[in-house]
Amino acid sequence: MAKKKREEDWQAPEFDEVEFMRKEIRGARASILSVLWAVPAAFASYALTLVGSGAGAAIGFLTGLGMIYLLKWILPILRVDISKFKRRDWFGHGASFFFSWLAFWILLLNPPFADLTAPMIIGMNVNGTSVPCGGSVASTTSSVVLNVTASDNVGVTFATYAIGGEQPSSLSGTSEDLWQASFPVPTSTPVTISVSDGAGHSFSCQITITR
């Protein structure tokens, strides 16, 4: 009987619709501002990556992580009440910032905004015989036809070959990725093949052609 009386006396807490709406609006506003704050953070990481030489990417990454903590001061400046934020709220807004910043930063590090990737020589062949970088190939004729297949995220702008210490000579582009040249067989002298893109990045390797 006492249990039944307790069940009758219990009442569900009153639902505060106004406070619920305020909380939802506050959370949505904080999420949007966290994503917007990721934009200048991505530009800062992008700039540091470009000017920071080899360590630029690491510095840019740490800068982005550091700017997560600035949300605690940025949100109140932008008139977001953070007094009732709990740990899960900060985790959610921090995650929104992190993934947005990472996406914007990666976007800026790729064409058309930047080109940080050097071209690559995918394959080479001499008179139809495949030869790897650092390898050698024998020619049965007095002249050779060198074919070089190269690729780049934007495009290879020019390719050259240099026999020994001679001045480089240009290869002719026969298609978007294929470059070709004909020349007499060198006497066991390394041939250096180089490919470059419009941003000044280059890649080289050597092969040896013998008779």
N, C-alpha and C. Protein backbone atom coordinates (compact mmCIF):
# COMPACT_ATOMS: atom_id res chain seq x y z
N MET A 1 0.82 -1.20 0.00
CA MET A 1 0.00 0.00 0.00
C MET A 1 0.86 1.26 0.00
N ALA A 2 1.94 1.22 0.80
CA ALA A 2 2.85 2.37 0.89
C ALA A 2 3.54 2.60 -0.44
N LYS A 3 3.87 1.48 -1.13
CA LYS A 3 4.54 1.60 -2.43
C LYS A 3 3.62 2.25 -3.45
N LYS A 4 2.35 1.86 -3.42
CA LYS A 4 1.38 2.44 -4.34
C LYS A 4 1.21 3.92 -4.07
N LYS A 5 1.23 4.29 -2.78
CA LYS A 5 1.07 5.71 -2.43
C LYS A 5 2.25 6.53 -2.92
N ARG A 6 3.49 5.96 -2.82
CA ARG A 6 4.68 6.67 -3.29
C ARG A 6 4.62 6.87 -4.80
N GLU A 7 4.11 5.85 -5.52
CA GLU A 7 4.00 5.97 -6.97
C GLU A 7 3.01 7.05 -7.36
N GLU A 8 1.93 7.19 -6.57
CA GLU A 8 0.92 8.22 -6.85
C GLU A 8 1.46 9.61 -6.55
N ASP A 9 2.31 9.72 -5.51
CA ASP A 9 2.86 11.02 -5.12
C ASP A 9 3.95 11.50 -6.07
N TRP A 10 4.64 10.56 -6.78
CA TRP A 10 5.75 10.95 -7.66
C TRP A 10 5.25 11.67 -8.88
N GLN A 11 5.90 12.74 -9.25
CA GLN A 11 5.55 13.50 -10.44
C GLN A 11 6.79 13.73 -11.29
N ALA A 12 6.61 13.60 -12.58
CA ALA A 12 7.72 13.86 -13.49
C ALA A 12 8.12 15.32 -13.42
N PRO A 13 9.43 15.60 -13.50
CA PRO A 13 9.86 17.01 -13.46
C PRO A 13 9.29 17.79 -14.64
N GLU A 14 8.99 19.02 -14.39
CA GLU A 14 8.39 19.87 -15.43
C GLU A 14 9.43 20.16 -16.52
N PHE A 15 9.00 20.00 -17.75
CA PHE A 15 9.89 20.23 -18.89
C PHE A 15 9.97 21.73 -19.18
N ASP A 16 11.20 22.26 -19.10
CA ASP A 16 11.41 23.70 -19.35
C ASP A 16 11.72 23.88 -20.83
N GLU A 17 10.67 24.15 -21.59
CA GLU A 17 10.83 24.26 -23.05
C GLU A 17 11.71 25.44 -23.43
N VAL A 18 11.59 26.54 -22.71
CA VAL A 18 12.37 27.74 -23.03
C VAL A 18 13.86 27.48 -22.84
N GLU A 19 14.20 26.87 -21.70
CA GLU A 19 15.61 26.59 -21.43
C GLU A 19 16.16 25.57 -22.42
N PHE A 20 15.32 24.59 -22.82
CA PHE A 20 15.75 23.60 -23.80
C PHE A 20 16.08 24.27 -25.13
N MET A 21 15.23 25.18 -25.57
CA MET A 21 15.46 25.88 -26.84
C MET A 21 16.71 26.75 -26.76
N ARG A 22 16.90 27.39 -25.61
CA ARG A 22 18.10 28.21 -25.44
C ARG A 22 19.36 27.36 -25.53
N LYS A 23 19.32 26.18 -24.92
CA LYS A 23 20.47 25.29 -24.95
C LYS A 23 20.77 24.82 -26.38
N GLU A 24 19.71 24.48 -27.12
CA GLU A 24 19.90 24.03 -28.50
C GLU A 24 20.46 25.14 -29.38
N ILE A 25 19.93 26.34 -29.22
CA ILE A 25 20.42 27.47 -30.01
C ILE A 25 21.86 27.79 -29.66
N ARG A 26 22.17 27.75 -28.35
CA ARG A 26 23.54 28.01 -27.90
C ARG A 26 24.50 26.97 -28.47
N GLY A 27 24.10 25.70 -28.46
CA GLY A 27 24.95 24.66 -29.01
C GLY A 27 25.15 24.77 -30.51
N ALA A 28 24.06 25.10 -31.23
CA ALA A 28 24.16 25.26 -32.68
C ALA A 28 25.05 26.44 -33.04
N ARG A 29 24.91 27.54 -32.31
CA ARG A 29 25.72 28.72 -32.57
C ARG A 29 27.21 28.43 -32.31
N ALA A 30 27.47 27.70 -31.23
CA ALA A 30 28.85 27.36 -30.91
C ALA A 30 29.45 26.44 -31.97
N SER A 31 28.65 25.52 -32.50
CA SER A 31 29.14 24.60 -33.54
C SER A 31 29.48 25.35 -34.82
N ILE A 32 28.59 26.27 -35.22
CA ILE A 32 28.83 27.04 -36.44
C ILE A 32 30.08 27.91 -36.29
N LEU A 33 30.22 28.56 -35.14
CA LEU A 33 31.38 29.42 -34.92
C LEU A 33 32.67 28.61 -34.82
N SER A 34 32.58 27.38 -34.33
CA SER A 34 33.76 26.52 -34.27
C SER A 34 34.24 26.18 -35.67
N VAL A 35 33.30 25.92 -36.58
CA VAL A 35 33.66 25.62 -37.97
C VAL A 35 34.24 26.87 -38.63
N LEU A 36 33.63 28.03 -38.38
CA LEU A 36 34.14 29.28 -38.96
C LEU A 36 35.53 29.63 -38.43
N TRP A 37 35.77 29.33 -37.17
CA TRP A 37 37.09 29.58 -36.57
C TRP A 37 38.16 28.69 -37.19
N ALA A 38 37.72 27.55 -37.76
CA ALA A 38 38.66 26.65 -38.41
C ALA A 38 39.23 27.24 -39.70
N VAL A 39 38.52 28.20 -40.31
CA VAL A 39 38.99 28.79 -41.57
C VAL A 39 40.28 29.59 -41.38
N PRO A 40 40.32 30.60 -40.46
CA PRO A 40 41.59 31.31 -40.26
C PRO A 40 42.68 30.39 -39.70
N ALA A 41 42.29 29.38 -38.92
CA ALA A 41 43.28 28.43 -38.41
C ALA A 41 43.92 27.65 -39.56
N ALA A 42 43.11 27.27 -40.54
CA ALA A 42 43.63 26.55 -41.70
C ALA A 42 44.56 27.42 -42.53
N PHE A 43 44.22 28.70 -42.69
CA PHE A 43 45.09 29.62 -43.43
C PHE A 43 46.41 29.82 -42.69
N ALA A 44 46.37 29.87 -41.36
CA ALA A 44 47.60 30.00 -40.58
C ALA A 44 48.48 28.77 -40.75
N SER A 45 47.88 27.58 -40.69
CA SER A 45 48.64 26.35 -40.89
C SER A 45 49.19 26.27 -42.30
N TYR A 46 48.41 26.72 -43.26
CA TYR A 46 48.83 26.73 -44.67
C TYR A 46 50.05 27.63 -44.86
N ALA A 47 50.00 28.84 -44.29
CA ALA A 47 51.12 29.77 -44.43
C ALA A 47 52.38 29.24 -43.76
N LEU A 48 52.22 28.66 -42.58
CA LEU A 48 53.38 28.12 -41.87
C LEU A 48 53.97 26.91 -42.61
N THR A 49 53.12 26.14 -43.28
CA THR A 49 53.61 25.00 -44.05
C THR A 49 54.46 25.46 -45.22
N LEU A 50 54.05 26.55 -45.86
CA LEU A 50 54.78 27.04 -47.03
C LEU A 50 56.11 27.67 -46.66
N VAL A 51 56.14 28.41 -45.55
CA VAL A 51 57.36 29.16 -45.20
C VAL A 51 58.26 28.39 -44.23
N GLY A 52 57.76 27.29 -43.69
CA GLY A 52 58.51 26.59 -42.65
C GLY A 52 59.45 25.52 -43.14
N SER A 53 59.72 25.47 -44.43
CA SER A 53 60.64 24.49 -45.00
C SER A 53 60.21 23.08 -44.61
N GLY A 54 61.16 22.22 -44.22
CA GLY A 54 60.85 20.83 -43.91
C GLY A 54 59.95 20.65 -42.70
N ALA A 55 60.11 21.52 -41.69
CA ALA A 55 59.32 21.40 -40.47
C ALA A 55 58.02 22.19 -40.55
N GLY A 56 57.73 22.78 -41.70
CA GLY A 56 56.55 23.63 -41.82
C GLY A 56 55.25 22.89 -41.56
N ALA A 57 55.13 21.66 -42.08
CA ALA A 57 53.90 20.90 -41.89
C ALA A 57 53.67 20.58 -40.41
N ALA A 58 54.74 20.22 -39.71
CA ALA A 58 54.61 19.91 -38.28
C ALA A 58 54.21 21.15 -37.49
N ILE A 59 54.82 22.28 -37.83
CA ILE A 59 54.47 23.54 -37.14
C ILE A 59 53.03 23.92 -37.44
N GLY A 60 52.62 23.75 -38.70
CA GLY A 60 51.24 24.07 -39.06
C GLY A 60 50.25 23.18 -38.33
N PHE A 61 50.58 21.90 -38.18
CA PHE A 61 49.69 20.98 -37.47
C PHE A 61 49.57 21.36 -36.00
N LEU A 62 50.69 21.66 -35.36
CA LEU A 62 50.66 22.05 -33.94
C LEU A 62 49.92 23.37 -33.75
N THR A 63 50.05 24.27 -34.72
CA THR A 63 49.32 25.54 -34.64
C THR A 63 47.82 25.30 -34.67
N GLY A 64 47.37 24.42 -35.56
CA GLY A 64 45.95 24.10 -35.62
C GLY A 64 45.44 23.50 -34.32
N LEU A 65 46.22 22.58 -33.73
CA LEU A 65 45.82 21.99 -32.46
C LEU A 65 45.75 23.04 -31.36
N GLY A 66 46.72 23.97 -31.39
CA GLY A 66 46.75 25.02 -30.37
C GLY A 66 45.54 25.94 -30.46
N MET A 67 45.04 26.16 -31.67
CA MET A 67 43.92 27.08 -31.83
C MET A 67 42.60 26.48 -31.36
N ILE A 68 42.59 25.16 -31.12
CA ILE A 68 41.40 24.56 -30.51
C ILE A 68 41.17 25.16 -29.13
N TYR A 69 42.26 25.34 -28.38
CA TYR A 69 42.13 25.84 -27.01
C TYR A 69 41.68 27.30 -26.96
N LEU A 70 41.87 28.03 -28.05
CA LEU A 70 41.42 29.42 -28.10
C LEU A 70 39.91 29.54 -28.18
N LEU A 71 39.21 28.43 -28.47
CA LEU A 71 37.75 28.47 -28.51
C LEU A 71 37.17 28.95 -27.18
N LYS A 72 37.86 28.63 -26.10
CA LYS A 72 37.39 29.02 -24.77
C LYS A 72 37.28 30.53 -24.63
N TRP A 73 38.11 31.26 -25.37
CA TRP A 73 38.09 32.72 -25.32
C TRP A 73 37.37 33.33 -26.52
N ILE A 74 37.42 32.63 -27.65
CA ILE A 74 36.79 33.15 -28.87
C ILE A 74 35.27 33.12 -28.76
N LEU A 75 34.71 32.02 -28.25
CA LEU A 75 33.25 31.90 -28.18
C LEU A 75 32.60 32.99 -27.32
N PRO A 76 33.14 33.29 -26.12
CA PRO A 76 32.54 34.40 -25.36
C PRO A 76 32.65 35.74 -26.07
N ILE A 77 33.75 35.98 -26.79
CA ILE A 77 33.89 37.22 -27.54
C ILE A 77 32.79 37.33 -28.59
N LEU A 78 32.40 36.18 -29.16
CA LEU A 78 31.35 36.15 -30.17
C LEU A 78 29.97 35.95 -29.56
N ARG A 79 29.86 36.24 -28.27
CA ARG A 79 28.58 36.26 -27.54
C ARG A 79 27.92 34.89 -27.43
N VAL A 80 28.73 33.89 -27.15
CA VAL A 80 28.22 32.56 -26.85
C VAL A 80 28.41 32.31 -25.37
N ASP A 81 27.33 32.01 -24.65
CA ASP A 81 27.40 31.75 -23.22
C ASP A 81 27.95 30.34 -23.00
N ILE A 82 29.16 30.26 -22.45
CA ILE A 82 29.78 28.95 -22.23
C ILE A 82 29.72 28.53 -20.76
N SER A 83 29.00 29.28 -19.94
CA SER A 83 28.98 29.00 -18.51
C SER A 83 28.35 27.65 -18.18
N LYS A 84 27.47 27.16 -19.06
CA LYS A 84 26.81 25.88 -18.81
C LYS A 84 27.35 24.76 -19.69
N PHE A 85 28.47 25.01 -20.36
CA PHE A 85 29.07 23.96 -21.18
C PHE A 85 29.67 22.89 -20.28
N LYS A 86 29.42 21.64 -20.65
CA LYS A 86 30.02 20.51 -19.95
C LYS A 86 31.15 19.93 -20.79
N ARG A 87 31.80 18.93 -20.25
CA ARG A 87 32.95 18.35 -20.95
C ARG A 87 32.56 17.81 -22.33
N ARG A 88 31.39 17.16 -22.40
CA ARG A 88 30.97 16.61 -23.69
C ARG A 88 30.68 17.72 -24.71
N ASP A 89 30.25 18.90 -24.23
CA ASP A 89 30.02 20.03 -25.15
C ASP A 89 31.34 20.50 -25.74
N TRP A 90 32.36 20.63 -24.90
CA TRP A 90 33.67 21.07 -25.39
C TRP A 90 34.28 20.03 -26.32
N PHE A 91 34.06 18.76 -26.01
CA PHE A 91 34.58 17.71 -26.88
C PHE A 91 33.92 17.77 -28.25
N GLY A 92 32.62 17.98 -28.28
CA GLY A 92 31.90 18.05 -29.55
C GLY A 92 32.32 19.24 -30.39
N HIS A 93 32.42 20.41 -29.78
CA HIS A 93 32.83 21.61 -30.53
C HIS A 93 34.29 21.53 -30.95
N GLY A 94 35.12 20.93 -30.09
CA GLY A 94 36.52 20.74 -30.46
C GLY A 94 36.67 19.80 -31.64
N ALA A 95 35.85 18.74 -31.68
CA ALA A 95 35.89 17.81 -32.81
C ALA A 95 35.41 18.49 -34.09
N SER A 96 34.38 19.33 -33.99
CA SER A 96 33.89 20.06 -35.17
C SER A 96 34.99 20.97 -35.72
N PHE A 97 35.69 21.65 -34.81
CA PHE A 97 36.79 22.51 -35.25
C PHE A 97 37.90 21.70 -35.89
N PHE A 98 38.31 20.60 -35.23
CA PHE A 98 39.46 19.83 -35.70
C PHE A 98 39.24 19.29 -37.11
N PHE A 99 38.12 18.63 -37.35
CA PHE A 99 37.89 18.02 -38.66
C PHE A 99 37.65 19.07 -39.74
N SER A 100 37.04 20.20 -39.37
CA SER A 100 36.86 21.29 -40.34
C SER A 100 38.20 21.91 -40.69
N TRP A 101 39.01 22.20 -39.66
CA TRP A 101 40.34 22.77 -39.90
C TRP A 101 41.19 21.84 -40.74
N LEU A 102 41.17 20.54 -40.45
CA LEU A 102 41.98 19.58 -41.20
C LEU A 102 41.54 19.53 -42.66
N ALA A 103 40.23 19.55 -42.91
CA ALA A 103 39.72 19.52 -44.28
C ALA A 103 40.13 20.78 -45.05
N PHE A 104 39.97 21.96 -44.42
CA PHE A 104 40.35 23.21 -45.07
C PHE A 104 41.85 23.26 -45.34
N TRP A 105 42.65 22.81 -44.38
CA TRP A 105 44.11 22.84 -44.53
C TRP A 105 44.56 21.94 -45.68
N ILE A 106 44.03 20.72 -45.73
CA ILE A 106 44.38 19.81 -46.82
C ILE A 106 43.95 20.38 -48.16
N LEU A 107 42.79 21.02 -48.19
CA LEU A 107 42.31 21.64 -49.43
C LEU A 107 43.27 22.72 -49.91
N LEU A 108 43.76 23.54 -48.98
CA LEU A 108 44.67 24.62 -49.34
C LEU A 108 46.04 24.12 -49.79
N LEU A 109 46.43 22.93 -49.35
CA LEU A 109 47.74 22.39 -49.70
C LEU A 109 47.75 21.68 -51.06
N ASN A 110 46.61 21.70 -51.74
CA ASN A 110 46.51 21.05 -53.04
C ASN A 110 46.12 22.06 -54.11
N PRO A 111 46.42 21.74 -55.38
CA PRO A 111 46.04 22.64 -56.47
C PRO A 111 44.53 22.92 -56.42
N PRO A 112 44.12 24.15 -56.79
CA PRO A 112 44.94 25.21 -57.40
C PRO A 112 45.60 26.15 -56.40
N PHE A 113 45.47 25.88 -55.09
CA PHE A 113 46.02 26.79 -54.09
C PHE A 113 47.52 26.60 -53.89
N ALA A 114 48.00 25.38 -53.97
CA ALA A 114 49.42 25.12 -53.77
C ALA A 114 49.80 23.83 -54.48
N ASP A 115 51.08 23.72 -54.79
CA ASP A 115 51.63 22.50 -55.38
C ASP A 115 52.91 22.17 -54.63
N LEU A 116 52.82 21.24 -53.71
CA LEU A 116 53.96 20.86 -52.89
C LEU A 116 54.54 19.50 -53.27
N THR A 117 54.01 18.91 -54.32
CA THR A 117 54.39 17.55 -54.70
C THR A 117 55.32 17.56 -55.91
N ALA A 118 56.43 16.87 -55.81
CA ALA A 118 57.36 16.77 -56.93
C ALA A 118 56.86 15.73 -57.92
N PRO A 119 57.17 15.89 -59.20
CA PRO A 119 56.78 14.88 -60.19
C PRO A 119 57.54 13.58 -59.96
N MET A 120 57.05 12.51 -60.56
CA MET A 120 57.67 11.21 -60.40
C MET A 120 57.89 10.57 -61.78
N ILE A 121 59.02 9.86 -61.90
CA ILE A 121 59.27 9.06 -63.10
C ILE A 121 58.69 7.68 -62.85
N ILE A 122 57.66 7.34 -63.61
CA ILE A 122 56.96 6.07 -63.40
C ILE A 122 57.69 4.93 -64.09
N GLY A 123 58.24 5.20 -65.26
CA GLY A 123 58.93 4.13 -65.98
C GLY A 123 59.79 4.69 -67.11
N MET A 124 60.78 3.91 -67.54
CA MET A 124 61.66 4.28 -68.64
C MET A 124 61.94 3.04 -69.48
N ASN A 125 62.14 3.26 -70.74
CA ASN A 125 62.60 2.16 -71.58
C ASN A 125 63.53 2.67 -72.66
N VAL A 126 64.50 1.86 -73.01
CA VAL A 126 65.50 2.17 -74.04
C VAL A 126 65.31 1.16 -75.16
N ASN A 127 64.97 1.65 -76.34
CA ASN A 127 64.69 0.78 -77.49
C ASN A 127 63.68 -0.31 -77.14
N GLY A 128 62.70 0.06 -76.32
CA GLY A 128 61.65 -0.88 -75.95
C GLY A 128 61.96 -1.75 -74.76
N THR A 129 63.18 -1.67 -74.20
CA THR A 129 63.56 -2.48 -73.03
C THR A 129 63.42 -1.64 -71.76
N SER A 130 62.62 -2.11 -70.83
CA SER A 130 62.40 -1.36 -69.60
C SER A 130 63.66 -1.34 -68.74
N VAL A 131 63.91 -0.19 -68.11
CA VAL A 131 65.07 -0.03 -67.23
C VAL A 131 64.66 0.81 -66.02
N PRO A 132 64.97 0.35 -64.81
CA PRO A 132 64.61 1.12 -63.61
C PRO A 132 65.64 2.19 -63.30
N CYS A 133 65.29 3.11 -62.41
CA CYS A 133 66.25 4.11 -61.95
C CYS A 133 67.43 3.39 -61.30
N GLY A 134 68.64 3.80 -61.71
CA GLY A 134 69.83 3.17 -61.19
C GLY A 134 70.24 1.91 -61.93
N GLY A 135 69.43 1.48 -62.91
CA GLY A 135 69.73 0.26 -63.64
C GLY A 135 70.54 0.52 -64.89
N SER A 136 70.82 -0.52 -65.62
CA SER A 136 71.58 -0.41 -66.85
C SER A 136 70.91 -1.26 -67.92
N VAL A 137 71.16 -0.90 -69.17
CA VAL A 137 70.58 -1.62 -70.29
C VAL A 137 71.58 -1.60 -71.44
N ALA A 138 71.64 -2.69 -72.21
CA ALA A 138 72.56 -2.77 -73.34
C ALA A 138 71.79 -2.51 -74.63
N SER A 139 72.43 -1.77 -75.52
CA SER A 139 71.82 -1.46 -76.81
C SER A 139 72.56 -2.21 -77.92
N THR A 140 71.81 -2.76 -78.85
CA THR A 140 72.42 -3.49 -79.97
C THR A 140 72.59 -2.59 -81.19
N THR A 141 72.19 -1.32 -81.04
CA THR A 141 72.31 -0.38 -82.15
C THR A 141 73.20 0.79 -81.73
N SER A 142 73.59 1.59 -82.70
CA SER A 142 74.48 2.71 -82.41
C SER A 142 73.74 3.92 -81.82
N SER A 143 72.43 3.91 -81.89
CA SER A 143 71.64 4.99 -81.31
C SER A 143 70.49 4.39 -80.51
N VAL A 144 69.96 5.18 -79.62
CA VAL A 144 68.88 4.68 -78.76
C VAL A 144 67.69 5.63 -78.81
N VAL A 145 66.54 5.06 -78.52
CA VAL A 145 65.32 5.85 -78.34
C VAL A 145 64.92 5.70 -76.87
N LEU A 146 64.97 6.80 -76.17
CA LEU A 146 64.65 6.80 -74.74
C LEU A 146 63.22 7.30 -74.54
N ASN A 147 62.41 6.51 -73.88
CA ASN A 147 61.04 6.90 -73.53
C ASN A 147 60.93 7.00 -72.02
N VAL A 148 60.38 8.11 -71.55
CA VAL A 148 60.22 8.35 -70.11
C VAL A 148 58.75 8.64 -69.82
N THR A 149 58.19 7.89 -68.90
CA THR A 149 56.81 8.12 -68.46
C THR A 149 56.86 8.79 -67.09
N ALA A 150 56.30 10.00 -67.00
CA ALA A 150 56.35 10.76 -65.75
C ALA A 150 54.96 11.32 -65.46
N SER A 151 54.70 11.57 -64.17
CA SER A 151 53.40 12.12 -63.78
C SER A 151 53.59 13.14 -62.68
N ASP A 152 52.60 14.01 -62.55
CA ASP A 152 52.61 15.04 -61.52
C ASP A 152 51.16 15.38 -61.21
N ASN A 153 50.91 15.90 -59.99
CA ASN A 153 49.53 16.21 -59.62
C ASN A 153 48.96 17.37 -60.44
N VAL A 154 49.82 18.21 -61.02
CA VAL A 154 49.37 19.27 -61.91
C VAL A 154 49.78 18.96 -63.35
N GLY A 155 51.03 18.59 -63.53
CA GLY A 155 51.52 18.25 -64.85
C GLY A 155 53.02 18.50 -64.97
N VAL A 156 53.70 17.63 -65.68
CA VAL A 156 55.13 17.79 -65.94
C VAL A 156 55.30 18.83 -67.04
N THR A 157 56.12 19.85 -66.77
CA THR A 157 56.30 20.93 -67.75
C THR A 157 57.46 20.68 -68.69
N PHE A 158 58.52 20.04 -68.22
CA PHE A 158 59.61 19.70 -69.13
C PHE A 158 60.44 18.56 -68.55
N ALA A 159 61.15 17.88 -69.45
CA ALA A 159 62.01 16.76 -69.07
C ALA A 159 63.32 16.86 -69.84
N THR A 160 64.41 16.47 -69.21
CA THR A 160 65.73 16.56 -69.84
C THR A 160 66.53 15.29 -69.59
N TYR A 161 67.55 15.10 -70.41
CA TYR A 161 68.52 14.04 -70.16
C TYR A 161 69.91 14.64 -70.31
N ALA A 162 70.86 14.17 -69.52
CA ALA A 162 72.23 14.65 -69.59
C ALA A 162 73.17 13.45 -69.57
N ILE A 163 74.05 13.39 -70.55
CA ILE A 163 75.01 12.28 -70.65
C ILE A 163 76.30 12.70 -69.95
N GLY A 164 76.64 12.00 -68.89
CA GLY A 164 77.84 12.33 -68.13
C GLY A 164 77.74 13.75 -67.59
N GLY A 165 78.77 14.54 -67.82
CA GLY A 165 78.79 15.92 -67.35
C GLY A 165 78.36 16.93 -68.40
N GLU A 166 77.76 16.46 -69.49
CA GLU A 166 77.34 17.37 -70.55
C GLU A 166 76.12 18.19 -70.12
N GLN A 167 75.85 19.24 -70.89
CA GLN A 167 74.67 20.06 -70.64
C GLN A 167 73.41 19.24 -70.93
N PRO A 168 72.36 19.44 -70.13
CA PRO A 168 71.12 18.69 -70.35
C PRO A 168 70.50 19.03 -71.70
N SER A 169 69.89 18.04 -72.31
CA SER A 169 69.13 18.21 -73.54
C SER A 169 67.67 17.88 -73.27
N SER A 170 66.79 18.52 -73.99
CA SER A 170 65.36 18.35 -73.73
C SER A 170 64.82 17.08 -74.37
N LEU A 171 63.88 16.47 -73.65
CA LEU A 171 63.09 15.40 -74.22
C LEU A 171 61.82 16.02 -74.79
N SER A 172 61.30 15.44 -75.83
CA SER A 172 60.08 15.96 -76.46
C SER A 172 58.86 15.26 -75.86
N GLY A 173 57.87 16.06 -75.52
CA GLY A 173 56.64 15.48 -74.99
C GLY A 173 55.78 14.94 -76.11
N THR A 174 55.53 13.64 -76.08
CA THR A 174 54.68 13.02 -77.12
C THR A 174 53.24 12.86 -76.65
N SER A 175 53.02 12.97 -75.35
CA SER A 175 51.67 12.95 -74.78
C SER A 175 51.76 13.62 -73.42
N GLU A 176 50.67 13.58 -72.66
CA GLU A 176 50.66 14.26 -71.36
C GLU A 176 51.71 13.72 -70.41
N ASP A 177 51.95 12.41 -70.45
CA ASP A 177 52.87 11.78 -69.49
C ASP A 177 54.10 11.16 -70.14
N LEU A 178 54.17 11.13 -71.47
CA LEU A 178 55.26 10.44 -72.15
C LEU A 178 56.20 11.43 -72.81
N TRP A 179 57.53 11.22 -72.54
CA TRP A 179 58.57 12.07 -73.11
C TRP A 179 59.58 11.18 -73.83
N GLN A 180 60.16 11.72 -74.92
CA GLN A 180 61.00 10.87 -75.77
C GLN A 180 62.20 11.65 -76.30
N ALA A 181 63.31 10.92 -76.54
CA ALA A 181 64.50 11.50 -77.15
C ALA A 181 65.30 10.40 -77.83
N SER A 182 66.03 10.79 -78.87
CA SER A 182 66.94 9.86 -79.57
C SER A 182 68.34 10.45 -79.54
N PHE A 183 69.34 9.60 -79.29
CA PHE A 183 70.72 10.07 -79.24
C PHE A 183 71.65 8.88 -79.40
N PRO A 184 72.90 9.14 -79.76
CA PRO A 184 73.87 8.04 -79.90
C PRO A 184 74.12 7.34 -78.57
N VAL A 185 74.49 6.09 -78.66
CA VAL A 185 74.76 5.33 -77.44
C VAL A 185 76.00 5.89 -76.74
N PRO A 186 75.88 6.31 -75.48
CA PRO A 186 77.06 6.78 -74.74
C PRO A 186 77.95 5.59 -74.36
N THR A 187 79.19 5.87 -74.09
CA THR A 187 80.14 4.82 -73.74
C THR A 187 80.14 4.59 -72.23
N SER A 188 79.27 3.70 -71.79
CA SER A 188 79.18 3.32 -70.37
C SER A 188 79.17 4.55 -69.45
N THR A 189 78.51 5.59 -69.87
CA THR A 189 78.41 6.81 -69.07
C THR A 189 76.99 6.97 -68.55
N PRO A 190 76.82 7.26 -67.27
CA PRO A 190 75.46 7.42 -66.74
C PRO A 190 74.70 8.52 -67.47
N VAL A 191 73.43 8.27 -67.68
CA VAL A 191 72.52 9.25 -68.27
C VAL A 191 71.55 9.69 -67.18
N THR A 192 71.53 11.00 -66.92
CA THR A 192 70.66 11.53 -65.87
C THR A 192 69.39 12.07 -66.50
N ILE A 193 68.26 11.54 -66.09
CA ILE A 193 66.96 12.00 -66.58
C ILE A 193 66.29 12.80 -65.48
N SER A 194 65.80 13.98 -65.82
CA SER A 194 65.15 14.87 -64.85
C SER A 194 63.81 15.32 -65.39
N VAL A 195 62.83 15.38 -64.51
CA VAL A 195 61.50 15.90 -64.87
C VAL A 195 61.14 16.99 -63.87
N SER A 196 60.46 18.04 -64.34
CA SER A 196 60.12 19.18 -63.49
C SER A 196 58.68 19.60 -63.74
N ASP A 197 58.08 20.24 -62.72
CA ASP A 197 56.73 20.79 -62.88
C ASP A 197 56.78 22.31 -62.84
N GLY A 198 55.63 22.94 -62.99
CA GLY A 198 55.56 24.39 -63.06
C GLY A 198 55.91 25.09 -61.77
N ALA A 199 55.85 24.38 -60.64
CA ALA A 199 56.16 24.99 -59.34
C ALA A 199 57.65 24.91 -59.01
N GLY A 200 58.45 24.34 -59.92
CA GLY A 200 59.89 24.25 -59.68
C GLY A 200 60.33 22.98 -59.00
N HIS A 201 59.42 22.06 -58.73
CA HIS A 201 59.80 20.78 -58.14
C HIS A 201 60.34 19.86 -59.23
N SER A 202 61.34 19.08 -58.89
CA SER A 202 61.94 18.20 -59.89
C SER A 202 62.30 16.85 -59.27
N PHE A 203 62.49 15.90 -60.15
CA PHE A 203 62.89 14.55 -59.74
C PHE A 203 63.87 14.02 -60.78
N SER A 204 64.93 13.38 -60.32
CA SER A 204 65.97 12.88 -61.24
C SER A 204 66.34 11.46 -60.89
N CYS A 205 66.82 10.75 -61.90
CA CYS A 205 67.42 9.44 -61.67
C CYS A 205 68.40 9.15 -62.80
N GLN A 206 69.27 8.18 -62.57
CA GLN A 206 70.30 7.84 -63.54
C GLN A 206 70.14 6.43 -64.04
N ILE A 207 70.49 6.24 -65.31
CA ILE A 207 70.57 4.91 -65.89
C ILE A 207 71.89 4.84 -66.67
N THR A 208 72.33 3.64 -66.95
CA THR A 208 73.55 3.45 -67.73
C THR A 208 73.20 2.66 -69.00
N ILE A 209 73.61 3.19 -70.15
CA ILE A 209 73.35 2.53 -71.44
C ILE A 209 74.69 2.08 -72.00
N THR A 210 74.79 0.80 -72.31
CA THR A 210 76.04 0.25 -72.86
C THR A 210 75.75 -0.42 -74.20
N ARG A 211 76.86 -0.73 -74.89
CA ARG A 211 76.73 -1.45 -76.16
C ARG A 211 77.25 -2.88 -76.01
